[in-house]
Amino acid sequence: MLAIVAAAVFGFALLLDLLNTNLGAPDLFNWNTLVLIGLFCLALHLAGVGRGTAGGGRWYRGRRPGRG
């Protein structure tokens, strides 16, 4: 989930860079800030935060697949 957020932030940062805009607040939403937010989300994703696998990562129910 955090990787998707990071991709969206990187895409938004790229769009701001290509359109050469600062959204009226040059110190708040500049290109460097958005890249750092995206890298932070990506680092959290790689660290395993927000994986969304409740229950120990068990994705099947009942008998294990392939166990005859």
N, C-alpha and C. Protein backbone atom coordinates (compact mmCIF):
# COMPACT_ATOMS: atom_id res chain seq x y z
N MET A 1 0.82 -1.19 0.00
CA MET A 1 0.00 0.00 0.00
C MET A 1 0.87 1.26 0.00
N LEU A 2 1.92 1.24 0.81
CA LEU A 2 2.78 2.42 0.84
C LEU A 2 3.57 2.59 -0.45
N ALA A 3 3.81 1.50 -1.15
CA ALA A 3 4.49 1.62 -2.44
C ALA A 3 3.59 2.33 -3.46
N ILE A 4 2.30 2.09 -3.38
CA ILE A 4 1.36 2.77 -4.27
C ILE A 4 1.31 4.26 -3.94
N VAL A 5 1.32 4.58 -2.64
CA VAL A 5 1.34 5.99 -2.22
C VAL A 5 2.63 6.65 -2.69
N ALA A 6 3.75 5.96 -2.56
CA ALA A 6 5.03 6.52 -3.02
C ALA A 6 5.01 6.75 -4.53
N ALA A 7 4.44 5.81 -5.28
CA ALA A 7 4.36 5.98 -6.73
C ALA A 7 3.49 7.17 -7.10
N ALA A 8 2.39 7.36 -6.36
CA ALA A 8 1.52 8.51 -6.63
C ALA A 8 2.23 9.82 -6.31
N VAL A 9 2.98 9.84 -5.21
CA VAL A 9 3.71 11.06 -4.84
C VAL A 9 4.79 11.36 -5.87
N PHE A 10 5.52 10.32 -6.31
CA PHE A 10 6.54 10.52 -7.34
C PHE A 10 5.93 11.01 -8.65
N GLY A 11 4.77 10.47 -9.01
CA GLY A 11 4.10 10.92 -10.23
C GLY A 11 3.65 12.37 -10.12
N PHE A 12 3.12 12.74 -8.95
CA PHE A 12 2.71 14.12 -8.73
C PHE A 12 3.91 15.06 -8.76
N ALA A 13 5.03 14.64 -8.17
CA ALA A 13 6.25 15.45 -8.18
C ALA A 13 6.77 15.62 -9.61
N LEU A 14 6.70 14.55 -10.39
CA LEU A 14 7.13 14.64 -11.79
C LEU A 14 6.24 15.59 -12.58
N LEU A 15 4.94 15.51 -12.33
CA LEU A 15 4.01 16.40 -13.01
C LEU A 15 4.26 17.85 -12.65
N LEU A 16 4.51 18.13 -11.37
CA LEU A 16 4.84 19.50 -10.96
C LEU A 16 6.14 19.98 -11.59
N ASP A 17 7.10 19.08 -11.71
CA ASP A 17 8.37 19.46 -12.31
C ASP A 17 8.21 19.73 -13.80
N LEU A 18 7.43 18.89 -14.49
CA LEU A 18 7.26 19.09 -15.92
C LEU A 18 6.44 20.34 -16.24
N LEU A 19 5.47 20.65 -15.40
CA LEU A 19 4.65 21.83 -15.62
C LEU A 19 5.27 23.09 -15.05
N ASN A 20 6.37 22.94 -14.30
CA ASN A 20 7.11 24.05 -13.72
C ASN A 20 6.21 24.94 -12.87
N THR A 21 5.51 24.34 -11.93
CA THR A 21 4.62 25.08 -11.05
C THR A 21 5.00 24.83 -9.60
N ASN A 22 4.52 25.69 -8.70
CA ASN A 22 4.83 25.52 -7.28
C ASN A 22 3.57 25.55 -6.42
N LEU A 23 2.38 25.52 -7.02
CA LEU A 23 1.09 25.48 -6.33
C LEU A 23 0.87 26.66 -5.39
N GLY A 24 1.53 27.76 -5.63
CA GLY A 24 1.34 28.96 -4.81
C GLY A 24 2.07 28.94 -3.48
N ALA A 25 2.71 27.85 -3.15
CA ALA A 25 3.46 27.76 -1.90
C ALA A 25 4.83 27.15 -2.21
N PRO A 26 5.79 27.95 -2.59
CA PRO A 26 7.06 27.39 -3.05
C PRO A 26 7.85 26.65 -1.97
N ASP A 27 7.65 26.99 -0.71
CA ASP A 27 8.40 26.31 0.35
C ASP A 27 7.69 25.08 0.88
N LEU A 28 6.39 24.96 0.63
CA LEU A 28 5.63 23.85 1.18
C LEU A 28 5.61 22.65 0.25
N PHE A 29 5.25 22.83 -1.01
CA PHE A 29 5.14 21.74 -1.97
C PHE A 29 6.10 21.93 -3.12
N ASN A 30 7.37 21.94 -2.82
CA ASN A 30 8.33 21.99 -3.92
C ASN A 30 8.73 20.58 -4.32
N TRP A 31 9.51 20.46 -5.37
CA TRP A 31 9.86 19.17 -5.94
C TRP A 31 10.66 18.33 -4.95
N ASN A 32 11.59 18.95 -4.23
CA ASN A 32 12.43 18.21 -3.29
C ASN A 32 11.61 17.63 -2.14
N THR A 33 10.64 18.38 -1.64
CA THR A 33 9.82 17.90 -0.54
C THR A 33 9.00 16.68 -0.96
N LEU A 34 8.41 16.72 -2.14
CA LEU A 34 7.61 15.59 -2.61
C LEU A 34 8.47 14.35 -2.87
N VAL A 35 9.68 14.54 -3.34
CA VAL A 35 10.57 13.40 -3.54
C VAL A 35 10.94 12.79 -2.20
N LEU A 36 11.19 13.61 -1.20
CA LEU A 36 11.51 13.08 0.13
C LEU A 36 10.32 12.35 0.74
N ILE A 37 9.11 12.84 0.54
CA ILE A 37 7.92 12.14 1.03
C ILE A 37 7.78 10.79 0.33
N GLY A 38 8.01 10.77 -0.97
CA GLY A 38 7.94 9.51 -1.71
C GLY A 38 8.99 8.52 -1.28
N LEU A 39 10.21 8.99 -1.04
CA LEU A 39 11.27 8.09 -0.57
C LEU A 39 10.97 7.58 0.83
N PHE A 40 10.37 8.41 1.66
CA PHE A 40 9.99 7.99 3.01
C PHE A 40 8.94 6.88 2.95
N CYS A 41 7.92 7.05 2.10
CA CYS A 41 6.90 6.01 1.95
C CYS A 41 7.49 4.73 1.38
N LEU A 42 8.42 4.86 0.45
CA LEU A 42 9.06 3.68 -0.13
C LEU A 42 9.92 2.97 0.91
N ALA A 43 10.62 3.72 1.74
CA ALA A 43 11.42 3.11 2.79
C ALA A 43 10.55 2.40 3.81
N LEU A 44 9.41 2.99 4.16
CA LEU A 44 8.50 2.33 5.08
C LEU A 44 7.95 1.04 4.47
N HIS A 45 7.66 1.07 3.18
CA HIS A 45 7.17 -0.12 2.50
C HIS A 45 8.22 -1.24 2.52
N LEU A 46 9.46 -0.88 2.24
CA LEU A 46 10.52 -1.88 2.23
C LEU A 46 10.82 -2.40 3.63
N ALA A 47 10.54 -1.59 4.65
CA ALA A 47 10.74 -2.03 6.02
C ALA A 47 9.63 -2.94 6.50
N GLY A 48 8.54 -3.04 5.75
CA GLY A 48 7.46 -3.94 6.11
C GLY A 48 6.32 -3.27 6.85
N VAL A 49 6.33 -1.96 6.93
CA VAL A 49 5.24 -1.24 7.60
C VAL A 49 4.06 -1.15 6.65
N GLY A 50 2.87 -1.47 7.15
CA GLY A 50 1.67 -1.34 6.33
C GLY A 50 1.52 -2.41 5.28
N ARG A 51 1.97 -3.62 5.58
CA ARG A 51 1.86 -4.69 4.59
C ARG A 51 0.43 -5.14 4.40
N GLY A 52 -0.37 -5.05 5.45
CA GLY A 52 -1.76 -5.41 5.34
C GLY A 52 -2.02 -6.90 5.37
N THR A 53 -1.07 -7.70 5.83
CA THR A 53 -1.28 -9.14 5.91
C THR A 53 -1.62 -9.49 7.34
N ALA A 54 -2.87 -9.43 7.68
CA ALA A 54 -3.31 -9.77 9.03
C ALA A 54 -3.34 -11.28 9.18
N GLY A 55 -3.10 -11.75 10.36
CA GLY A 55 -3.16 -13.17 10.61
C GLY A 55 -1.88 -13.91 10.24
N GLY A 56 -0.76 -13.23 10.26
CA GLY A 56 0.51 -13.89 10.00
C GLY A 56 0.79 -14.17 8.55
N GLY A 57 0.09 -13.57 7.64
CA GLY A 57 0.34 -13.76 6.23
C GLY A 57 -0.28 -15.01 5.64
N ARG A 58 -1.19 -15.65 6.34
CA ARG A 58 -1.84 -16.86 5.82
C ARG A 58 -2.96 -16.45 4.88
N TRP A 59 -2.82 -16.74 3.61
CA TRP A 59 -3.78 -16.27 2.62
C TRP A 59 -4.78 -17.34 2.22
N TYR A 60 -4.62 -18.56 2.66
CA TYR A 60 -5.54 -19.62 2.29
C TYR A 60 -6.38 -20.02 3.50
N ARG A 61 -7.48 -20.66 3.24
CA ARG A 61 -8.38 -21.11 4.30
C ARG A 61 -8.52 -22.63 4.21
N GLY A 62 -8.61 -23.30 5.34
CA GLY A 62 -8.81 -24.74 5.33
C GLY A 62 -7.52 -25.48 5.08
N ARG A 63 -7.59 -26.53 4.24
CA ARG A 63 -6.41 -27.35 3.98
C ARG A 63 -5.41 -26.61 3.10
N ARG A 64 -4.16 -26.94 3.28
CA ARG A 64 -3.12 -26.31 2.46
C ARG A 64 -3.25 -26.76 1.02
N PRO A 65 -3.00 -25.89 0.09
CA PRO A 65 -3.07 -26.30 -1.32
C PRO A 65 -1.94 -27.26 -1.66
N GLY A 66 -2.23 -28.27 -2.44
CA GLY A 66 -1.25 -29.23 -2.88
C GLY A 66 -0.91 -30.30 -1.86
N ARG A 67 -1.74 -30.46 -0.84
CA ARG A 67 -1.47 -31.45 0.20
C ARG A 67 -2.40 -32.66 0.08
N GLY A 68 -2.93 -32.93 -1.10
CA GLY A 68 -3.72 -34.12 -1.36
C GLY A 68 -4.80 -34.30 -0.45
